Full PDB file with SEQRES, HELIX, SHEET, SSBOND, CRYST1, ORIGX, SCALE, CONECT and MASTER records, all heavy atoms in Angstrom:
SEQRES   1 A   46  ALA GLY ILE GLU THR HIS GLY VAL ASN PRO LYS ALA VAL          
SEQRES   2 A   46  ALA ILE MET LYS LEU ASP GLY ILE ASP ILE SER GLU ASN          
SEQRES   3 A   46  THR SER ASN ASN VAL SER GLU TYR LEU ASP ILE ASP PHE          
SEQRES   4 A   46  ASP PHE ILE ILE THR VAL CYS                                  
HELIX    1 AA1 PRO A   10  LYS A   17  1                                   8    
HELIX    2 AA2 VAL A   31  TYR A   34  5                                   4    
CRYST1    1.000    1.000    1.000  90.00  90.00  90.00 P 1           1          
ORIGX1      1.000000  0.000000  0.000000        0.00000                         
ORIGX2      0.000000  1.000000  0.000000        0.00000                         
ORIGX3      0.000000  0.000000  1.000000        0.00000                         
SCALE1      1.000000  0.000000  0.000000        0.00000                         
SCALE2      0.000000  1.000000  0.000000        0.00000                         
SCALE3      0.000000  0.000000  1.000000        0.00000                         
ATOM      1  N   ALA A   1       3.486  -2.771   0.680  1.00  0.00           N  
ATOM      2  CA  ALA A   1       3.783  -3.147   2.034  1.00  0.00           C  
ATOM      3  C   ALA A   1       4.644  -2.052   2.663  1.00  0.00           C  
ATOM      4  O   ALA A   1       5.154  -1.164   1.981  1.00  0.00           O  
ATOM      5  CB  ALA A   1       4.528  -4.467   2.059  1.00  0.00           C  
ATOM      6  N   GLY A   2       4.788  -2.221   3.991  1.00  0.00           N  
ATOM      7  CA  GLY A   2       5.657  -1.321   4.724  1.00  0.00           C  
ATOM      8  C   GLY A   2       6.578  -2.135   5.619  1.00  0.00           C  
ATOM      9  O   GLY A   2       6.339  -3.307   5.873  1.00  0.00           O  
ATOM     10  N   ILE A   3       7.612  -1.481   6.115  1.00  0.00           N  
ATOM     11  CA  ILE A   3       8.456  -2.145   7.091  1.00  0.00           C  
ATOM     12  C   ILE A   3       7.770  -2.087   8.436  1.00  0.00           C  
ATOM     13  O   ILE A   3       8.157  -2.787   9.397  1.00  0.00           O  
ATOM     14  CB  ILE A   3       9.889  -1.565   7.127  1.00  0.00           C  
ATOM     15  CG1 ILE A   3       9.921  -0.081   7.386  1.00  0.00           C  
ATOM     16  CG2 ILE A   3      10.571  -1.892   5.811  1.00  0.00           C  
ATOM     17  CD1 ILE A   3      11.297   0.500   7.541  1.00  0.00           C  
ATOM     18  N   GLU A   4       6.688  -1.289   8.532  1.00  0.00           N  
ATOM     19  CA  GLU A   4       5.767  -1.216   9.652  1.00  0.00           C  
ATOM     20  C   GLU A   4       4.373  -1.111   9.001  1.00  0.00           C  
ATOM     21  O   GLU A   4       4.271  -0.936   7.806  1.00  0.00           O  
ATOM     22  CB  GLU A   4       6.018   0.028  10.505  1.00  0.00           C  
ATOM     23  CG  GLU A   4       7.417   0.177  11.025  1.00  0.00           C  
ATOM     24  CD  GLU A   4       7.729   1.576  11.533  1.00  0.00           C  
ATOM     25  OE1 GLU A   4       6.810   2.436  11.608  1.00  0.00           O  
ATOM     26  OE2 GLU A   4       8.883   1.812  11.903  1.00  0.00           O  
ATOM     27  N   THR A   5       3.312  -1.180   9.784  1.00  0.00           N  
ATOM     28  CA  THR A   5       1.982  -0.944   9.251  1.00  0.00           C  
ATOM     29  C   THR A   5       1.311   0.162  10.075  1.00  0.00           C  
ATOM     30  O   THR A   5       1.272   0.097  11.284  1.00  0.00           O  
ATOM     31  CB  THR A   5       1.098  -2.232   9.287  1.00  0.00           C  
ATOM     32  OG1 THR A   5       1.051  -2.712  10.607  1.00  0.00           O  
ATOM     33  CG2 THR A   5       1.649  -3.281   8.359  1.00  0.00           C  
ATOM     34  N   HIS A   6       0.860   1.175   9.392  1.00  0.00           N  
ATOM     35  CA  HIS A   6       0.255   2.327  10.042  1.00  0.00           C  
ATOM     36  C   HIS A   6      -1.228   2.495   9.668  1.00  0.00           C  
ATOM     37  O   HIS A   6      -1.840   3.484  10.056  1.00  0.00           O  
ATOM     38  CB  HIS A   6       1.002   3.611   9.700  1.00  0.00           C  
ATOM     39  CG  HIS A   6       2.410   3.617  10.185  1.00  0.00           C  
ATOM     40  ND1 HIS A   6       3.324   4.546   9.738  1.00  0.00           N  
ATOM     41  CD2 HIS A   6       3.078   2.817  11.054  1.00  0.00           C  
ATOM     42  CE1 HIS A   6       4.487   4.350  10.336  1.00  0.00           C  
ATOM     43  NE2 HIS A   6       4.369   3.284  11.124  1.00  0.00           N  
ATOM     44  N   GLY A   7      -1.800   1.597   8.852  1.00  0.00           N  
ATOM     45  CA  GLY A   7      -3.155   1.751   8.382  1.00  0.00           C  
ATOM     46  C   GLY A   7      -3.167   2.665   7.163  1.00  0.00           C  
ATOM     47  O   GLY A   7      -2.282   3.481   6.979  1.00  0.00           O  
ATOM     48  N   VAL A   8      -4.169   2.520   6.356  1.00  0.00           N  
ATOM     49  CA  VAL A   8      -4.276   3.341   5.120  1.00  0.00           C  
ATOM     50  C   VAL A   8      -4.753   4.738   5.522  1.00  0.00           C  
ATOM     51  O   VAL A   8      -5.736   4.914   6.206  1.00  0.00           O  
ATOM     52  CB  VAL A   8      -5.247   2.691   4.098  1.00  0.00           C  
ATOM     53  CG1 VAL A   8      -5.373   3.548   2.860  1.00  0.00           C  
ATOM     54  CG2 VAL A   8      -4.796   1.270   3.757  1.00  0.00           C  
ATOM     55  N   ASN A   9      -4.005   5.742   5.061  1.00  0.00           N  
ATOM     56  CA  ASN A   9      -4.285   7.116   5.393  1.00  0.00           C  
ATOM     57  C   ASN A   9      -5.579   7.611   4.684  1.00  0.00           C  
ATOM     58  O   ASN A   9      -5.665   7.518   3.484  1.00  0.00           O  
ATOM     59  CB  ASN A   9      -3.109   7.990   4.954  1.00  0.00           C  
ATOM     60  CG  ASN A   9      -3.235   9.430   5.419  1.00  0.00           C  
ATOM     61  OD1 ASN A   9      -4.203  10.094   5.145  1.00  0.00           O  
ATOM     62  ND2 ASN A   9      -2.163   9.921   6.060  1.00  0.00           N  
ATOM     63  N   PRO A  10      -6.551   8.079   5.439  1.00  0.00           N  
ATOM     64  CA  PRO A  10      -7.818   8.519   4.844  1.00  0.00           C  
ATOM     65  C   PRO A  10      -7.639   9.649   3.823  1.00  0.00           C  
ATOM     66  O   PRO A  10      -8.399   9.750   2.845  1.00  0.00           O  
ATOM     67  CB  PRO A  10      -8.671   9.006   6.015  1.00  0.00           C  
ATOM     68  CG  PRO A  10      -8.035   8.421   7.232  1.00  0.00           C  
ATOM     69  CD  PRO A  10      -6.580   8.186   6.924  1.00  0.00           C  
ATOM     70  N   LYS A  11      -6.630  10.480   4.022  1.00  0.00           N  
ATOM     71  CA  LYS A  11      -6.384  11.566   3.041  1.00  0.00           C  
ATOM     72  C   LYS A  11      -5.832  11.005   1.736  1.00  0.00           C  
ATOM     73  O   LYS A  11      -6.104  11.546   0.637  1.00  0.00           O  
ATOM     74  CB  LYS A  11      -5.442  12.615   3.649  1.00  0.00           C  
ATOM     75  CG  LYS A  11      -6.106  13.458   4.717  1.00  0.00           C  
ATOM     76  CD  LYS A  11      -5.168  14.513   5.275  1.00  0.00           C  
ATOM     77  CE  LYS A  11      -5.768  15.520   6.164  1.00  0.00           C  
ATOM     78  NZ  LYS A  11      -6.699  15.089   7.186  1.00  0.00           N  
ATOM     79  N   ALA A  12      -5.074   9.894   1.799  1.00  0.00           N  
ATOM     80  CA  ALA A  12      -4.615   9.239   0.560  1.00  0.00           C  
ATOM     81  C   ALA A  12      -5.813   8.672  -0.165  1.00  0.00           C  
ATOM     82  O   ALA A  12      -5.893   8.775  -1.420  1.00  0.00           O  
ATOM     83  CB  ALA A  12      -3.594   8.160   0.916  1.00  0.00           C  
ATOM     84  N   VAL A  13      -6.747   8.063   0.551  1.00  0.00           N  
ATOM     85  CA  VAL A  13      -7.921   7.498  -0.049  1.00  0.00           C  
ATOM     86  C   VAL A  13      -8.729   8.616  -0.743  1.00  0.00           C  
ATOM     87  O   VAL A  13      -9.153   8.495  -1.892  1.00  0.00           O  
ATOM     88  CB  VAL A  13      -8.796   6.792   0.994  1.00  0.00           C  
ATOM     89  CG1 VAL A  13     -10.147   6.378   0.388  1.00  0.00           C  
ATOM     90  CG2 VAL A  13      -8.076   5.571   1.569  1.00  0.00           C  
ATOM     91  N   ALA A  14      -8.874   9.759  -0.042  1.00  0.00           N  
ATOM     92  CA  ALA A  14      -9.664  10.874  -0.571  1.00  0.00           C  
ATOM     93  C   ALA A  14      -9.005  11.485  -1.805  1.00  0.00           C  
ATOM     94  O   ALA A  14      -9.727  11.775  -2.821  1.00  0.00           O  
ATOM     95  CB  ALA A  14      -9.857  11.925   0.504  1.00  0.00           C  
ATOM     96  N   ILE A  15      -7.696  11.673  -1.808  1.00  0.00           N  
ATOM     97  CA  ILE A  15      -7.037  12.306  -2.956  1.00  0.00           C  
ATOM     98  C   ILE A  15      -7.056  11.411  -4.166  1.00  0.00           C  
ATOM     99  O   ILE A  15      -7.180  11.864  -5.275  1.00  0.00           O  
ATOM    100  CB  ILE A  15      -5.582  12.792  -2.571  1.00  0.00           C  
ATOM    101  CG1 ILE A  15      -5.134  13.910  -3.507  1.00  0.00           C  
ATOM    102  CG2 ILE A  15      -4.599  11.643  -2.591  1.00  0.00           C  
ATOM    103  CD1 ILE A  15      -5.790  15.225  -3.287  1.00  0.00           C  
ATOM    104  N   MET A  16      -6.999  10.093  -3.939  1.00  0.00           N  
ATOM    105  CA  MET A  16      -7.082   9.166  -5.052  1.00  0.00           C  
ATOM    106  C   MET A  16      -8.483   9.134  -5.643  1.00  0.00           C  
ATOM    107  O   MET A  16      -8.657   9.035  -6.839  1.00  0.00           O  
ATOM    108  CB  MET A  16      -6.617   7.784  -4.636  1.00  0.00           C  
ATOM    109  CG  MET A  16      -5.142   7.695  -4.360  1.00  0.00           C  
ATOM    110  SD  MET A  16      -4.092   8.094  -5.771  1.00  0.00           S  
ATOM    111  CE  MET A  16      -4.291   6.583  -6.728  1.00  0.00           C  
ATOM    112  N   LYS A  17      -9.468   9.210  -4.774  1.00  0.00           N  
ATOM    113  CA  LYS A  17     -10.875   9.193  -5.233  1.00  0.00           C  
ATOM    114  C   LYS A  17     -11.144  10.376  -6.159  1.00  0.00           C  
ATOM    115  O   LYS A  17     -11.870  10.260  -7.139  1.00  0.00           O  
ATOM    116  CB  LYS A  17     -11.811   9.209  -4.035  1.00  0.00           C  
ATOM    117  CG  LYS A  17     -13.255   8.968  -4.397  1.00  0.00           C  
ATOM    118  CD  LYS A  17     -14.078   8.773  -3.172  1.00  0.00           C  
ATOM    119  CE  LYS A  17     -15.406   8.188  -3.582  1.00  0.00           C  
ATOM    120  NZ  LYS A  17     -16.050   7.403  -2.582  1.00  0.00           N  
ATOM    121  N   LEU A  18     -10.493  11.518  -5.880  1.00  0.00           N  
ATOM    122  CA  LEU A  18     -10.658  12.689  -6.741  1.00  0.00           C  
ATOM    123  C   LEU A  18     -10.097  12.462  -8.137  1.00  0.00           C  
ATOM    124  O   LEU A  18     -10.432  13.179  -9.081  1.00  0.00           O  
ATOM    125  CB  LEU A  18      -9.995  13.928  -6.111  1.00  0.00           C  
ATOM    126  CG  LEU A  18     -10.689  14.477  -4.867  1.00  0.00           C  
ATOM    127  CD1 LEU A  18      -9.872  15.607  -4.232  1.00  0.00           C  
ATOM    128  CD2 LEU A  18     -12.092  14.945  -5.192  1.00  0.00           C  
ATOM    129  N   ASP A  19      -9.208  11.478  -8.272  1.00  0.00           N  
ATOM    130  CA  ASP A  19      -8.655  11.130  -9.598  1.00  0.00           C  
ATOM    131  C   ASP A  19      -9.312   9.859 -10.138  1.00  0.00           C  
ATOM    132  O   ASP A  19      -8.788   9.249 -11.082  1.00  0.00           O  
ATOM    133  CB  ASP A  19      -7.141  10.971  -9.524  1.00  0.00           C  
ATOM    134  CG  ASP A  19      -6.462  11.141 -10.890  1.00  0.00           C  
ATOM    135  OD1 ASP A  19      -7.057  11.802 -11.765  1.00  0.00           O  
ATOM    136  OD2 ASP A  19      -5.337  10.597 -11.061  1.00  0.00           O  
ATOM    137  N   GLY A  20     -10.399   9.438  -9.533  1.00  0.00           N  
ATOM    138  CA  GLY A  20     -11.159   8.293 -10.045  1.00  0.00           C  
ATOM    139  C   GLY A  20     -10.634   6.937  -9.663  1.00  0.00           C  
ATOM    140  O   GLY A  20     -11.003   5.953 -10.305  1.00  0.00           O  
ATOM    141  N   ILE A  21      -9.745   6.858  -8.688  1.00  0.00           N  
ATOM    142  CA  ILE A  21      -9.204   5.557  -8.276  1.00  0.00           C  
ATOM    143  C   ILE A  21      -9.559   5.294  -6.843  1.00  0.00           C  
ATOM    144  O   ILE A  21      -9.306   6.117  -5.947  1.00  0.00           O  
ATOM    145  CB  ILE A  21      -7.664   5.515  -8.485  1.00  0.00           C  
ATOM    146  CG1 ILE A  21      -7.347   5.690  -9.987  1.00  0.00           C  
ATOM    147  CG2 ILE A  21      -7.073   4.249  -7.923  1.00  0.00           C  
ATOM    148  CD1 ILE A  21      -5.915   5.760 -10.357  1.00  0.00           C  
ATOM    149  N   ASP A  22     -10.186   4.142  -6.615  1.00  0.00           N  
ATOM    150  CA  ASP A  22     -10.650   3.780  -5.296  1.00  0.00           C  
ATOM    151  C   ASP A  22      -9.661   2.854  -4.600  1.00  0.00           C  
ATOM    152  O   ASP A  22      -9.472   1.714  -5.037  1.00  0.00           O  
ATOM    153  CB  ASP A  22     -12.033   3.113  -5.383  1.00  0.00           C  
ATOM    154  CG  ASP A  22     -12.657   2.754  -4.078  1.00  0.00           C  
ATOM    155  OD1 ASP A  22     -12.070   3.126  -3.018  1.00  0.00           O  
ATOM    156  OD2 ASP A  22     -13.669   2.093  -4.046  1.00  0.00           O  
ATOM    157  N   ILE A  23      -9.013   3.357  -3.534  1.00  0.00           N  
ATOM    158  CA  ILE A  23      -8.117   2.507  -2.731  1.00  0.00           C  
ATOM    159  C   ILE A  23      -8.697   2.285  -1.320  1.00  0.00           C  
ATOM    160  O   ILE A  23      -7.968   1.888  -0.438  1.00  0.00           O  
ATOM    161  CB  ILE A  23      -6.679   3.080  -2.691  1.00  0.00           C  
ATOM    162  CG1 ILE A  23      -6.633   4.461  -2.013  1.00  0.00           C  
ATOM    163  CG2 ILE A  23      -6.042   3.115  -4.051  1.00  0.00           C  
ATOM    164  CD1 ILE A  23      -5.245   4.956  -1.701  1.00  0.00           C  
ATOM    165  N   SER A  24      -9.986   2.550  -1.185  1.00  0.00           N  
ATOM    166  CA  SER A  24     -10.628   2.458   0.146  1.00  0.00           C  
ATOM    167  C   SER A  24     -10.637   1.062   0.701  1.00  0.00           C  
ATOM    168  O   SER A  24     -10.770   0.900   1.928  1.00  0.00           O  
ATOM    169  CB  SER A  24     -12.040   3.017   0.092  1.00  0.00           C  
ATOM    170  OG  SER A  24     -12.870   2.231  -0.727  1.00  0.00           O  
ATOM    171  N   GLU A  25     -10.500   0.050  -0.120  1.00  0.00           N  
ATOM    172  CA  GLU A  25     -10.488  -1.343   0.378  1.00  0.00           C  
ATOM    173  C   GLU A  25      -9.076  -1.888   0.576  1.00  0.00           C  
ATOM    174  O   GLU A  25      -8.889  -2.998   0.991  1.00  0.00           O  
ATOM    175  CB  GLU A  25     -11.260  -2.253  -0.633  1.00  0.00           C  
ATOM    176  CG  GLU A  25     -12.711  -1.900  -0.782  1.00  0.00           C  
ATOM    177  CD  GLU A  25     -13.501  -2.063   0.506  1.00  0.00           C  
ATOM    178  OE1 GLU A  25     -13.310  -3.069   1.221  1.00  0.00           O  
ATOM    179  OE2 GLU A  25     -14.323  -1.158   0.818  1.00  0.00           O  
ATOM    180  N   ASN A  26      -8.063  -1.033   0.288  1.00  0.00           N  
ATOM    181  CA  ASN A  26      -6.682  -1.499   0.487  1.00  0.00           C  
ATOM    182  C   ASN A  26      -6.417  -1.709   1.968  1.00  0.00           C  
ATOM    183  O   ASN A  26      -7.077  -1.126   2.818  1.00  0.00           O  
ATOM    184  CB  ASN A  26      -5.701  -0.418  -0.040  1.00  0.00           C  
ATOM    185  CG  ASN A  26      -5.606  -0.367  -1.558  1.00  0.00           C  
ATOM    186  OD1 ASN A  26      -6.480  -0.834  -2.225  1.00  0.00           O  
ATOM    187  ND2 ASN A  26      -4.554   0.219  -2.048  1.00  0.00           N  
ATOM    188  N   THR A  27      -5.461  -2.547   2.235  1.00  0.00           N  
ATOM    189  CA  THR A  27      -5.041  -2.800   3.621  1.00  0.00           C  
ATOM    190  C   THR A  27      -3.571  -2.442   3.773  1.00  0.00           C  
ATOM    191  O   THR A  27      -2.832  -2.400   2.785  1.00  0.00           O  
ATOM    192  CB  THR A  27      -5.235  -4.281   3.983  1.00  0.00           C  
ATOM    193  OG1 THR A  27      -4.489  -5.113   3.071  1.00  0.00           O  
ATOM    194  CG2 THR A  27      -6.721  -4.685   3.955  1.00  0.00           C  
ATOM    195  N   SER A  28      -3.186  -2.164   4.981  1.00  0.00           N  
ATOM    196  CA  SER A  28      -1.799  -1.853   5.285  1.00  0.00           C  
ATOM    197  C   SER A  28      -1.107  -3.179   5.680  1.00  0.00           C  
ATOM    198  O   SER A  28      -1.543  -3.825   6.636  1.00  0.00           O  
ATOM    199  CB  SER A  28      -1.757  -0.810   6.462  1.00  0.00           C  
ATOM    200  OG  SER A  28      -0.435  -0.434   6.706  1.00  0.00           O  
ATOM    201  N   ASN A  29      -0.089  -3.533   4.901  1.00  0.00           N  
ATOM    202  CA  ASN A  29       0.553  -4.851   5.078  1.00  0.00           C  
ATOM    203  C   ASN A  29       2.009  -4.711   5.423  1.00  0.00           C  
ATOM    204  O   ASN A  29       2.680  -3.785   4.941  1.00  0.00           O  
ATOM    205  CB  ASN A  29       0.400  -5.670   3.811  1.00  0.00           C  
ATOM    206  CG  ASN A  29      -1.053  -5.913   3.447  1.00  0.00           C  
ATOM    207  OD1 ASN A  29      -1.679  -5.100   2.782  1.00  0.00           O  
ATOM    208  ND2 ASN A  29      -1.591  -7.019   3.917  1.00  0.00           N  
ATOM    209  N   ASN A  30       2.514  -5.650   6.174  1.00  0.00           N  
ATOM    210  CA  ASN A  30       3.933  -5.694   6.525  1.00  0.00           C  
ATOM    211  C   ASN A  30       4.666  -6.505   5.460  1.00  0.00           C  
ATOM    212  O   ASN A  30       4.162  -7.524   4.987  1.00  0.00           O  
ATOM    213  CB  ASN A  30       4.115  -6.317   7.886  1.00  0.00           C  
ATOM    214  CG  ASN A  30       5.549  -6.176   8.373  1.00  0.00           C  
ATOM    215  OD1 ASN A  30       6.443  -6.857   7.893  1.00  0.00           O  
ATOM    216  ND2 ASN A  30       5.736  -5.285   9.334  1.00  0.00           N  
ATOM    217  N   VAL A  31       5.867  -6.062   5.094  1.00  0.00           N  
ATOM    218  CA  VAL A  31       6.621  -6.715   4.047  1.00  0.00           C  
ATOM    219  C   VAL A  31       6.886  -8.210   4.393  1.00  0.00           C  
ATOM    220  O   VAL A  31       6.993  -9.024   3.471  1.00  0.00           O  
ATOM    221  CB  VAL A  31       7.966  -5.982   3.810  1.00  0.00           C  
ATOM    222  CG1 VAL A  31       8.898  -6.026   5.015  1.00  0.00           C  
ATOM    223  CG2 VAL A  31       8.633  -6.434   2.550  1.00  0.00           C  
ATOM    224  N   SER A  32       6.907  -8.554   5.668  1.00  0.00           N  
ATOM    225  CA  SER A  32       7.115  -9.945   6.034  1.00  0.00           C  
ATOM    226  C   SER A  32       6.046 -10.875   5.525  1.00  0.00           C  
ATOM    227  O   SER A  32       6.258 -12.094   5.407  1.00  0.00           O  
ATOM    228  CB  SER A  32       7.260 -10.073   7.570  1.00  0.00           C  
ATOM    229  OG  SER A  32       6.050  -9.736   8.198  1.00  0.00           O  
ATOM    230  N   GLU A  33       4.854 -10.335   5.200  1.00  0.00           N  
ATOM    231  CA  GLU A  33       3.759 -11.141   4.670  1.00  0.00           C  
ATOM    232  C   GLU A  33       4.046 -11.661   3.252  1.00  0.00           C  
ATOM    233  O   GLU A  33       3.378 -12.581   2.777  1.00  0.00           O  
ATOM    234  CB  GLU A  33       2.487 -10.332   4.642  1.00  0.00           C  
ATOM    235  CG  GLU A  33       1.987  -9.908   6.002  1.00  0.00           C  
ATOM    236  CD  GLU A  33       0.807  -8.948   5.936  1.00  0.00           C  
ATOM    237  OE1 GLU A  33      -0.101  -9.232   5.134  1.00  0.00           O  
ATOM    238  OE2 GLU A  33       0.787  -7.945   6.679  1.00  0.00           O  
ATOM    239  N   TYR A  34       5.032 -11.037   2.582  1.00  0.00           N  
ATOM    240  CA  TYR A  34       5.252 -11.352   1.182  1.00  0.00           C  
ATOM    241  C   TYR A  34       6.617 -12.013   0.907  1.00  0.00           C  
ATOM    242  O   TYR A  34       7.081 -12.036  -0.243  1.00  0.00           O  
ATOM    243  CB  TYR A  34       5.140 -10.067   0.356  1.00  0.00           C  
ATOM    244  CG  TYR A  34       3.808  -9.392   0.445  1.00  0.00           C  
ATOM    245  CD1 TYR A  34       3.694  -8.035   0.663  1.00  0.00           C  
ATOM    246  CD2 TYR A  34       2.627 -10.105   0.314  1.00  0.00           C  
ATOM    247  CE1 TYR A  34       2.489  -7.381   0.752  1.00  0.00           C  
ATOM    248  CE2 TYR A  34       1.401  -9.476   0.407  1.00  0.00           C  
ATOM    249  CZ  TYR A  34       1.326  -8.124   0.590  1.00  0.00           C  
ATOM    250  OH  TYR A  34       0.119  -7.499   0.658  1.00  0.00           O  
ATOM    251  N   LEU A  35       7.267 -12.527   1.928  1.00  0.00           N  
ATOM    252  CA  LEU A  35       8.617 -13.067   1.730  1.00  0.00           C  
ATOM    253  C   LEU A  35       8.665 -14.293   0.828  1.00  0.00           C  
ATOM    254  O   LEU A  35       9.728 -14.617   0.256  1.00  0.00           O  
ATOM    255  CB  LEU A  35       9.253 -13.393   3.102  1.00  0.00           C  
ATOM    256  CG  LEU A  35       9.503 -12.177   3.975  1.00  0.00           C  
ATOM    257  CD1 LEU A  35      10.134 -12.600   5.293  1.00  0.00           C  
ATOM    258  CD2 LEU A  35      10.366 -11.148   3.284  1.00  0.00           C  
ATOM    259  N   ASP A  36       7.546 -14.966   0.646  1.00  0.00           N  
ATOM    260  CA  ASP A  36       7.496 -16.167  -0.198  1.00  0.00           C  
ATOM    261  C   ASP A  36       7.192 -15.869  -1.678  1.00  0.00           C  
ATOM    262  O   ASP A  36       7.156 -16.792  -2.500  1.00  0.00           O  
ATOM    263  CB  ASP A  36       6.477 -17.164   0.307  1.00  0.00           C  
ATOM    264  CG  ASP A  36       6.859 -17.757   1.664  1.00  0.00           C  
ATOM    265  OD1 ASP A  36       8.076 -17.783   1.959  1.00  0.00           O  
ATOM    266  OD2 ASP A  36       5.969 -18.181   2.398  1.00  0.00           O  
ATOM    267  N   ILE A  37       6.990 -14.594  -1.980  1.00  0.00           N  
ATOM    268  CA  ILE A  37       6.631 -14.207  -3.367  1.00  0.00           C  
ATOM    269  C   ILE A  37       7.925 -13.824  -4.092  1.00  0.00           C  
ATOM    270  O   ILE A  37       8.757 -13.116  -3.566  1.00  0.00           O  
ATOM    271  CB  ILE A  37       5.618 -13.050  -3.399  1.00  0.00           C  
ATOM    272  CG1 ILE A  37       4.304 -13.523  -2.773  1.00  0.00           C  
ATOM    273  CG2 ILE A  37       5.382 -12.546  -4.815  1.00  0.00           C  
ATOM    274  CD1 ILE A  37       3.298 -12.428  -2.560  1.00  0.00           C  
ATOM    275  N   ASP A  38       8.087 -14.337  -5.301  1.00  0.00           N  
ATOM    276  CA  ASP A  38       9.216 -13.999  -6.119  1.00  0.00           C  
ATOM    277  C   ASP A  38       8.860 -12.744  -6.931  1.00  0.00           C  
ATOM    278  O   ASP A  38       8.113 -12.815  -7.900  1.00  0.00           O  
ATOM    279  CB  ASP A  38       9.571 -15.165  -7.030  1.00  0.00           C  
ATOM    280  CG  ASP A  38      10.879 -14.959  -7.774  1.00  0.00           C  
ATOM    281  OD1 ASP A  38      11.722 -14.161  -7.288  1.00  0.00           O  
ATOM    282  OD2 ASP A  38      11.048 -15.571  -8.850  1.00  0.00           O  
ATOM    283  N   PHE A  39       9.403 -11.616  -6.519  1.00  0.00           N  
ATOM    284  CA  PHE A  39       9.083 -10.347  -7.179  1.00  0.00           C  
ATOM    285  C   PHE A  39       9.998 -10.127  -8.381  1.00  0.00           C  
ATOM    286  O   PHE A  39      11.191 -10.438  -8.369  1.00  0.00           O  
ATOM    287  CB  PHE A  39       9.223  -9.181  -6.199  1.00  0.00           C  
ATOM    288  CG  PHE A  39       8.145  -9.185  -5.138  1.00  0.00           C  
ATOM    289  CD1 PHE A  39       8.414  -9.618  -3.862  1.00  0.00           C  
ATOM    290  CD2 PHE A  39       6.852  -8.822  -5.466  1.00  0.00           C  
ATOM    291  CE1 PHE A  39       7.403  -9.644  -2.893  1.00  0.00           C  
ATOM    292  CE2 PHE A  39       5.835  -8.836  -4.510  1.00  0.00           C  
ATOM    293  CZ  PHE A  39       6.129  -9.267  -3.218  1.00  0.00           C  
ATOM    294  N   ASP A  40       9.404  -9.508  -9.420  1.00  0.00           N  
ATOM    295  CA  ASP A  40      10.153  -9.078 -10.576  1.00  0.00           C  
ATOM    296  C   ASP A  40      10.717  -7.659 -10.342  1.00  0.00           C  
ATOM    297  O   ASP A  40      11.781  -7.321 -10.872  1.00  0.00           O  
ATOM    298  CB  ASP A  40       9.260  -9.102 -11.815  1.00  0.00           C  
ATOM    299  CG  ASP A  40       8.791 -10.494 -12.107  1.00  0.00           C  
ATOM    300  OD1 ASP A  40       9.619 -11.321 -12.567  1.00  0.00           O  
ATOM    301  OD2 ASP A  40       7.612 -10.778 -11.851  1.00  0.00           O  
ATOM    302  N   PHE A  41       9.947  -6.850  -9.594  1.00  0.00           N  
ATOM    303  CA  PHE A  41      10.352  -5.505  -9.255  1.00  0.00           C  
ATOM    304  C   PHE A  41      10.057  -5.192  -7.803  1.00  0.00           C  
ATOM    305  O   PHE A  41       8.985  -5.582  -7.287  1.00  0.00           O  
ATOM    306  CB  PHE A  41       9.558  -4.478 -10.126  1.00  0.00           C  
ATOM    307  CG  PHE A  41       9.807  -4.598 -11.583  1.00  0.00           C  
ATOM    308  CD1 PHE A  41       8.989  -5.382 -12.389  1.00  0.00           C  
ATOM    309  CD2 PHE A  41      10.872  -3.959 -12.193  1.00  0.00           C  
ATOM    310  CE1 PHE A  41       9.194  -5.539 -13.754  1.00  0.00           C  
ATOM    311  CE2 PHE A  41      11.112  -4.090 -13.548  1.00  0.00           C  
ATOM    312  CZ  PHE A  41      10.269  -4.874 -14.333  1.00  0.00           C  
ATOM    313  N   ILE A  42      10.966  -4.514  -7.158  1.00  0.00           N  
ATOM    314  CA  ILE A  42      10.761  -4.016  -5.806  1.00  0.00           C  
ATOM    315  C   ILE A  42      11.025  -2.508  -5.857  1.00  0.00           C  
ATOM    316  O   ILE A  42      12.146  -2.093  -6.187  1.00  0.00           O  
ATOM    317  CB  ILE A  42      11.695  -4.692  -4.784  1.00  0.00           C  
ATOM    318  CG1 ILE A  42      11.381  -6.191  -4.729  1.00  0.00           C  
ATOM    319  CG2 ILE A  42      11.511  -4.058  -3.401  1.00  0.00           C  
ATOM    320  CD1 ILE A  42      12.392  -7.014  -3.914  1.00  0.00           C  
ATOM    321  N   ILE A  43       9.981  -1.744  -5.611  1.00  0.00           N  
ATOM    322  CA  ILE A  43      10.057  -0.283  -5.718  1.00  0.00           C  
ATOM    323  C   ILE A  43       9.963   0.281  -4.330  1.00  0.00           C  
ATOM    324  O   ILE A  43       8.926   0.102  -3.653  1.00  0.00           O  
ATOM    325  CB  ILE A  43       8.960   0.276  -6.600  1.00  0.00           C  
ATOM    326  CG1 ILE A  43       8.982  -0.357  -7.989  1.00  0.00           C  
ATOM    327  CG2 ILE A  43       9.026   1.785  -6.671  1.00  0.00           C  
ATOM    328  CD1 ILE A  43       7.756  -0.038  -8.857  1.00  0.00           C  
ATOM    329  N   THR A  44      10.977   0.996  -3.887  1.00  0.00           N  
ATOM    330  CA  THR A  44      10.867   1.702  -2.605  1.00  0.00           C  
ATOM    331  C   THR A  44      10.529   3.168  -2.932  1.00  0.00           C  
ATOM    332  O   THR A  44      11.103   3.766  -3.816  1.00  0.00           O  
ATOM    333  CB  THR A  44      12.194   1.635  -1.776  1.00  0.00           C  
ATOM    334  OG1 THR A  44      13.294   1.954  -2.634  1.00  0.00           O  
ATOM    335  CG2 THR A  44      12.367   0.277  -1.180  1.00  0.00           C  
ATOM    336  N   VAL A  45       9.538   3.693  -2.191  1.00  0.00           N  
ATOM    337  CA  VAL A  45       9.047   5.060  -2.480  1.00  0.00           C  
ATOM    338  C   VAL A  45       9.395   6.037  -1.389  1.00  0.00           C  
ATOM    339  O   VAL A  45       8.898   7.162  -1.377  1.00  0.00           O  
ATOM    340  CB  VAL A  45       7.544   5.044  -2.784  1.00  0.00           C  
ATOM    341  CG1 VAL A  45       7.228   4.322  -4.061  1.00  0.00           C  
ATOM    342  CG2 VAL A  45       6.738   4.489  -1.631  1.00  0.00           C  
ATOM    343  N   CYS A  46      10.255   5.623  -0.470  1.00  0.00           N  
ATOM    344  CA  CYS A  46      10.784   6.564   0.533  1.00  0.00           C  
ATOM    345  C   CYS A  46      12.177   6.121   0.967  1.00  0.00           C  
ATOM    346  O   CYS A  46      12.474   4.933   0.939  1.00  0.00           O  
ATOM    347  CB  CYS A  46       9.837   6.685   1.750  1.00  0.00           C  
ATOM    348  SG  CYS A  46       9.772   5.292   2.828  1.00  0.00           S  
TER     349      CYS A  46                                                      
MASTER        0    0    0    2    0    0    0    6  348    1    0    4          
END                                                                             
């Protein structure tokens, strides 16, 4: 998720495909969509 949603970057999809991982069906989600889930880990990457 993001604190905003910007859509999945096509270059991210392409670079992952080159490593054999398909993220083309992923969606860009806002963190507010997941407030009811009890997470074991929260990883911020920026």
